[in-house]
Amino acid sequence: MKLDSHQHFWSYDPSQYPWIDQPKQAIARDFLPDDLLAAQRPLGFTGSIAVQARQSVAESEWLLRLSDSHSLIKGVVGWVDLRSPHVRTDLQRLAQHPRFCGVRHVVQDEPDDRFMLGAEFLRGIAALQEFDLAYDLLVFPHQLPASIELASRFPAQRFVLDHIAKPRIASGALEPWATQIRELAAFPNVFCKVSGMVTETRWGGWKPEDFKPYIQVVHDAFGADRLMFGSDWPVCLLSGSYPQVHDIAAAYSAQLDPIARSKFFGLNAAAFYKLKP
């Protein structure tokens, strides 16, 4: 088993994906399972987790339909309105699908740093526990304090930090991000995706060494049992190819023993998302 814990699909429509703005025109086209398969097959991947790219229940349903016809999609992290009074109804319907394994909200775009601690959002997180679903934390560094508090309030909820919280790799800054990463990792219910790094530095102008201090922080904080590889394909294409992103992670994993390497490249993701055969 070799899994990519974080990638996206879309049938491109500018009205549906306004975040794909002018600087991101390189990814303003369709990206579908056959495209991913062509990128993954030479690297030995056996599957991936498809993660929402727009905040729509309709997209969650579309991703699940894709998974019905493409075996490489092992799980789907979709979106529901966690603040809705009808959140349980949406979750109950989606959770009937065996590959619906988690939920994500694009918290990084919310102007309120404490958005996740609002009463309605907390009610939605509590509903995830009822359906045994994971939650992906998509945040910027300034939102880590709220992430830490959220994890402390729900010790039985599975959380995974996307893109190592998008530190300021372009400037080389480590603090206060590194300290807050260690605080978040102190909660055993929180995992971390080593993903999304190449787009947090100079697009196309990075060196593999740029990422080492950040990977070292999350390695020391989360350990071999709670880290997982994610490509963030096709968003990563803005700054690097799939093989380049894979090679950054492979260079890190070379220091690990074979069991830890297998965990990083698939077993941890499968266990965290409770993937079903």
Protein backbone atom coordinates (compact mmCIF):
# COMPACT_ATOMS: atom_id res chain seq x y z
CA MET A 1 0.00 0.00 0.00
CA LYS A 2 1.31 3.43 -0.99
CA LEU A 3 -1.21 6.22 -0.51
CA ASP A 4 -1.34 9.92 -1.21
CA SER A 5 -3.29 11.35 1.72
CA HIS A 6 -4.22 14.62 0.04
CA GLN A 7 -5.15 15.44 -3.54
CA HIS A 8 -8.00 17.12 -5.40
CA PHE A 9 -10.17 16.69 -8.46
CA TRP A 10 -12.26 19.21 -10.30
CA SER A 11 -14.15 19.71 -13.51
CA TYR A 12 -13.10 23.30 -13.97
CA ASP A 13 -15.69 26.05 -13.99
CA PRO A 14 -14.41 29.54 -13.08
CA SER A 15 -17.67 30.40 -11.33
CA GLN A 16 -17.33 27.35 -9.08
CA TYR A 17 -13.62 27.73 -8.32
CA PRO A 18 -13.04 31.49 -7.84
CA TRP A 19 -9.93 30.78 -5.75
CA ILE A 20 -8.22 29.68 -8.98
CA ASP A 21 -7.44 33.30 -9.87
CA GLN A 22 -5.12 34.81 -12.48
CA PRO A 23 -1.83 33.77 -10.81
CA LYS A 24 -3.13 30.18 -10.72
CA GLN A 25 -4.08 29.84 -14.38
CA ALA A 26 -1.75 26.84 -14.73
CA ILE A 27 -4.38 24.77 -12.89
CA ALA A 28 -7.45 26.35 -14.51
CA ARG A 29 -8.49 23.17 -16.30
CA ASP A 30 -10.00 19.77 -15.53
CA PHE A 31 -8.07 17.42 -13.24
CA LEU A 32 -9.65 13.98 -13.06
CA PRO A 33 -8.69 10.46 -11.90
CA ASP A 34 -6.95 9.44 -15.13
CA ASP A 35 -4.70 12.49 -14.83
CA LEU A 36 -3.75 11.52 -11.29
CA LEU A 37 -3.17 7.92 -12.28
CA ALA A 38 -0.68 9.02 -14.95
CA ALA A 39 1.26 10.99 -12.33
CA GLN A 40 1.13 8.33 -9.62
CA ARG A 41 1.68 5.09 -11.51
CA PRO A 42 5.43 5.57 -12.17
CA LEU A 43 5.94 6.20 -8.44
CA GLY A 44 4.17 3.05 -7.26
CA PHE A 45 1.12 4.58 -5.61
CA THR A 46 -1.91 2.37 -5.13
CA GLY A 47 -4.44 5.04 -4.21
CA SER A 48 -5.26 8.38 -2.66
CA ILE A 49 -7.61 10.43 -0.50
CA ALA A 50 -9.63 12.91 -2.55
CA VAL A 51 -10.19 16.15 -0.61
CA GLN A 52 -12.81 18.82 -1.26
CA ALA A 53 -11.80 21.86 -3.30
CA ARG A 54 -15.04 23.86 -3.03
CA GLN A 55 -17.50 24.23 -0.20
CA SER A 56 -20.46 22.36 -1.58
CA VAL A 57 -22.28 19.20 -0.57
CA ALA A 58 -22.79 18.63 -4.30
CA GLU A 59 -19.03 18.34 -4.71
CA SER A 60 -18.86 15.83 -1.87
CA GLU A 61 -21.43 13.72 -3.69
CA TRP A 62 -19.56 14.11 -6.99
CA LEU A 63 -16.30 12.91 -5.40
CA LEU A 64 -18.10 9.88 -4.00
CA ARG A 65 -19.47 9.06 -7.44
CA LEU A 66 -15.94 9.32 -8.83
CA SER A 67 -14.79 6.87 -6.17
CA ASP A 68 -17.45 4.40 -7.30
CA SER A 69 -15.89 4.20 -10.74
CA HIS A 70 -12.18 4.71 -9.94
CA SER A 71 -10.58 2.29 -7.53
CA LEU A 72 -7.58 4.52 -6.89
CA ILE A 73 -9.83 6.77 -4.72
CA LYS A 74 -9.72 5.04 -1.36
CA GLY A 75 -11.44 7.77 0.63
CA VAL A 76 -13.19 11.13 0.27
CA VAL A 77 -12.86 14.12 2.59
CA GLY A 78 -15.84 16.23 1.66
CA TRP A 79 -17.60 19.35 2.88
CA VAL A 80 -20.80 19.92 4.77
CA ASP A 81 -21.93 23.10 6.49
CA LEU A 82 -20.90 22.25 10.03
CA ARG A 83 -22.77 25.31 11.30
CA SER A 84 -26.09 24.25 9.79
CA PRO A 85 -28.88 23.02 12.09
CA HIS A 86 -29.30 20.23 9.51
CA VAL A 87 -25.68 19.05 9.66
CA ARG A 88 -26.64 15.65 11.08
CA THR A 89 -28.94 15.00 8.12
CA ASP A 90 -26.15 15.73 5.62
CA LEU A 91 -23.63 13.66 7.54
CA GLN A 92 -25.99 10.73 7.94
CA ARG A 93 -26.61 10.60 4.19
CA LEU A 94 -22.97 10.97 3.16
CA ALA A 95 -21.65 8.61 5.84
CA GLN A 96 -23.67 5.78 4.33
CA HIS A 97 -21.07 5.69 1.56
CA PRO A 98 -18.16 3.47 2.62
CA ARG A 99 -15.54 5.85 1.24
CA PHE A 100 -16.79 9.02 2.94
CA CYS A 101 -14.15 9.32 5.62
CA GLY A 102 -13.94 12.94 6.71
CA VAL A 103 -14.92 16.60 6.43
CA ARG A 104 -12.98 19.79 5.77
CA HIS A 105 -13.85 23.47 5.94
CA VAL A 106 -11.63 26.12 4.31
CA VAL A 107 -10.94 27.81 7.63
CA GLN A 108 -7.85 29.55 6.23
CA ASP A 109 -10.19 31.91 4.35
CA GLU A 110 -12.26 32.84 7.40
CA PRO A 111 -11.47 36.36 8.73
CA ASP A 112 -12.17 35.39 12.33
CA ASP A 113 -9.12 33.64 13.82
CA ARG A 114 -11.42 31.87 16.28
CA PHE A 115 -13.97 30.78 13.67
CA MET A 116 -13.66 27.11 14.65
CA LEU A 117 -14.55 27.93 18.25
CA GLY A 118 -17.97 29.37 17.45
CA ALA A 119 -20.86 27.53 19.09
CA GLU A 120 -22.43 26.38 15.82
CA PHE A 121 -19.15 25.08 14.41
CA LEU A 122 -18.41 23.23 17.65
CA ARG A 123 -21.83 21.59 17.42
CA GLY A 124 -20.90 20.39 13.94
CA ILE A 125 -17.58 18.97 15.12
CA ALA A 126 -19.43 17.10 17.85
CA ALA A 127 -21.66 15.58 15.16
CA LEU A 128 -18.59 14.20 13.35
CA GLN A 129 -17.84 12.03 16.37
CA GLU A 130 -21.30 10.51 16.17
CA PHE A 131 -20.57 9.29 12.62
CA ASP A 132 -16.92 8.41 13.33
CA LEU A 133 -15.62 10.88 10.73
CA ALA A 134 -12.27 12.65 10.69
CA TYR A 135 -11.76 16.39 10.39
CA ASP A 136 -9.05 18.08 8.28
CA LEU A 137 -7.66 21.28 9.75
CA LEU A 138 -6.90 23.73 6.91
CA VAL A 139 -5.40 26.74 8.67
CA PHE A 140 -2.67 29.34 8.46
CA PRO A 141 -0.16 29.72 11.32
CA HIS A 142 -2.13 32.54 12.96
CA GLN A 143 -5.04 30.10 13.34
CA LEU A 144 -3.01 27.47 15.19
CA PRO A 145 -4.00 28.73 18.66
CA ALA A 146 -7.66 28.07 17.81
CA SER A 147 -6.70 24.67 16.40
CA ILE A 148 -4.97 23.80 19.66
CA GLU A 149 -8.03 24.79 21.67
CA LEU A 150 -10.32 22.84 19.34
CA ALA A 151 -8.22 19.68 19.74
CA SER A 152 -8.27 20.11 23.51
CA ARG A 153 -12.08 20.32 23.56
CA PHE A 154 -12.56 17.13 21.52
CA PRO A 155 -10.00 14.56 22.69
CA ALA A 156 -11.92 11.71 21.03
CA GLN A 157 -12.18 13.43 17.63
CA ARG A 158 -9.64 12.54 14.94
CA PHE A 159 -7.99 15.67 13.52
CA VAL A 160 -5.33 15.97 10.84
CA LEU A 161 -3.41 19.15 10.11
CA ASP A 162 -3.25 19.89 6.39
CA HIS A 163 -0.09 21.28 4.78
CA ILE A 164 1.75 21.52 8.14
CA ALA A 165 -0.34 24.72 8.69
CA LYS A 166 1.32 26.56 5.78
CA PRO A 167 4.35 28.09 7.54
CA ARG A 168 6.19 31.01 5.95
CA ILE A 169 8.76 28.91 4.14
CA ALA A 170 9.55 31.68 1.66
CA SER A 171 10.97 33.84 4.46
CA GLY A 172 12.51 30.98 6.43
CA ALA A 173 10.53 31.92 9.55
CA LEU A 174 10.01 29.11 12.06
CA GLU A 175 8.51 30.83 15.10
CA PRO A 176 5.93 31.00 16.54
CA TRP A 177 4.79 28.26 14.13
CA ALA A 178 7.22 25.64 15.46
CA THR A 179 6.25 26.15 19.10
CA GLN A 180 2.55 26.00 18.27
CA ILE A 181 3.03 22.86 16.15
CA ARG A 182 4.54 21.16 19.19
CA GLU A 183 1.60 22.31 21.32
CA LEU A 184 -0.88 20.91 18.81
CA ALA A 185 1.03 17.64 18.47
CA ALA A 186 0.83 17.15 22.23
CA PHE A 187 -2.74 15.95 21.63
CA PRO A 188 -2.56 12.31 20.49
CA ASN A 189 -5.77 12.66 18.47
CA VAL A 190 -4.04 15.05 16.01
CA PHE A 191 -2.11 13.83 12.95
CA CYS A 192 -0.26 15.87 10.32
CA LYS A 193 0.05 15.80 6.53
CA VAL A 194 3.45 16.58 5.09
CA SER A 195 1.92 18.35 2.13
CA GLY A 196 1.41 21.72 0.49
CA MET A 197 4.93 22.98 1.14
CA VAL A 198 6.04 23.88 -2.39
CA THR A 199 3.31 26.49 -2.77
CA GLU A 200 4.35 28.22 0.49
CA THR A 201 7.65 29.36 -0.96
CA ARG A 202 8.80 30.97 -4.21
CA TRP A 203 6.89 29.15 -6.91
CA GLY A 204 9.37 27.17 -8.94
CA GLY A 205 12.29 28.91 -7.22
CA TRP A 206 12.80 26.61 -4.25
CA LYS A 207 15.51 24.10 -3.30
CA PRO A 208 14.81 20.80 -1.50
CA GLU A 209 16.87 22.08 1.44
CA ASP A 210 14.32 24.86 2.02
CA PHE A 211 11.86 22.38 3.49
CA LYS A 212 14.14 20.43 5.82
CA PRO A 213 13.76 22.64 8.94
CA TYR A 214 9.97 22.45 8.67
CA ILE A 215 9.85 18.72 8.09
CA GLN A 216 12.19 18.25 11.04
CA VAL A 217 9.82 20.19 13.31
CA VAL A 218 6.78 18.08 12.40
CA HIS A 219 8.84 14.88 12.51
CA ASP A 220 10.01 15.64 16.05
CA ALA A 221 6.53 16.78 17.13
CA PHE A 222 4.28 14.09 15.65
CA GLY A 223 6.62 11.13 15.30
CA ALA A 224 6.47 8.22 12.89
CA ASP A 225 2.94 7.14 13.83
CA ARG A 226 1.14 10.42 13.05
CA LEU A 227 2.72 11.78 9.86
CA MET A 228 1.47 11.06 6.35
CA PHE A 229 2.52 12.06 2.85
CA GLY A 230 0.23 14.27 0.79
CA SER A 231 0.93 15.73 -2.63
CA ASP A 232 -1.71 18.48 -2.75
CA TRP A 233 -1.93 17.67 -6.46
CA PRO A 234 -2.87 19.46 -8.68
CA VAL A 235 -2.37 22.63 -6.60
CA CYS A 236 1.28 21.63 -6.20
CA LEU A 237 1.73 22.05 -9.96
CA LEU A 238 1.87 25.81 -9.42
CA SER A 239 5.34 25.31 -7.98
CA GLY A 240 6.50 21.76 -8.63
CA SER A 241 5.66 18.50 -10.38
CA TYR A 242 4.20 15.44 -8.68
CA PRO A 243 7.59 13.63 -8.84
CA GLN A 244 9.34 16.66 -7.31
CA VAL A 245 6.89 16.80 -4.41
CA HIS A 246 7.24 13.05 -3.94
CA ASP A 247 11.04 13.31 -3.97
CA ILE A 248 11.02 15.89 -1.15
CA ALA A 249 9.05 13.44 1.00
CA ALA A 250 11.13 10.46 -0.14
CA ALA A 251 14.33 12.24 0.91
CA TYR A 252 12.84 12.73 4.38
CA SER A 253 11.63 9.13 4.59
CA ALA A 254 15.07 7.78 3.69
CA GLN A 255 16.10 8.35 7.32
CA LEU A 256 13.23 6.17 8.57
CA ASP A 257 13.25 2.43 9.07
CA PRO A 258 11.15 0.40 6.59
CA ILE A 259 8.15 0.15 8.92
CA ALA A 260 8.07 3.89 9.61
CA ARG A 261 8.48 4.57 5.89
CA SER A 262 5.46 2.38 5.13
CA LYS A 263 3.47 4.23 7.76
CA PHE A 264 4.38 7.61 6.28
CA PHE A 265 3.53 6.56 2.74
CA GLY A 266 0.18 4.98 3.43
CA LEU A 267 -0.43 2.98 6.59
CA ASN A 268 -0.94 6.03 8.81
CA ALA A 269 -3.44 7.54 6.37
CA ALA A 270 -5.33 4.26 6.10
CA ALA A 271 -5.52 3.94 9.88
CA PHE A 272 -6.39 7.59 10.51
CA TYR A 273 -9.21 7.68 7.96
CA LYS A 274 -10.33 4.14 8.84
CA LEU A 275 -10.37 3.18 5.18
CA LYS A 276 -12.60 0.29 4.32
CA PRO A 277 -11.61 -2.46 1.85
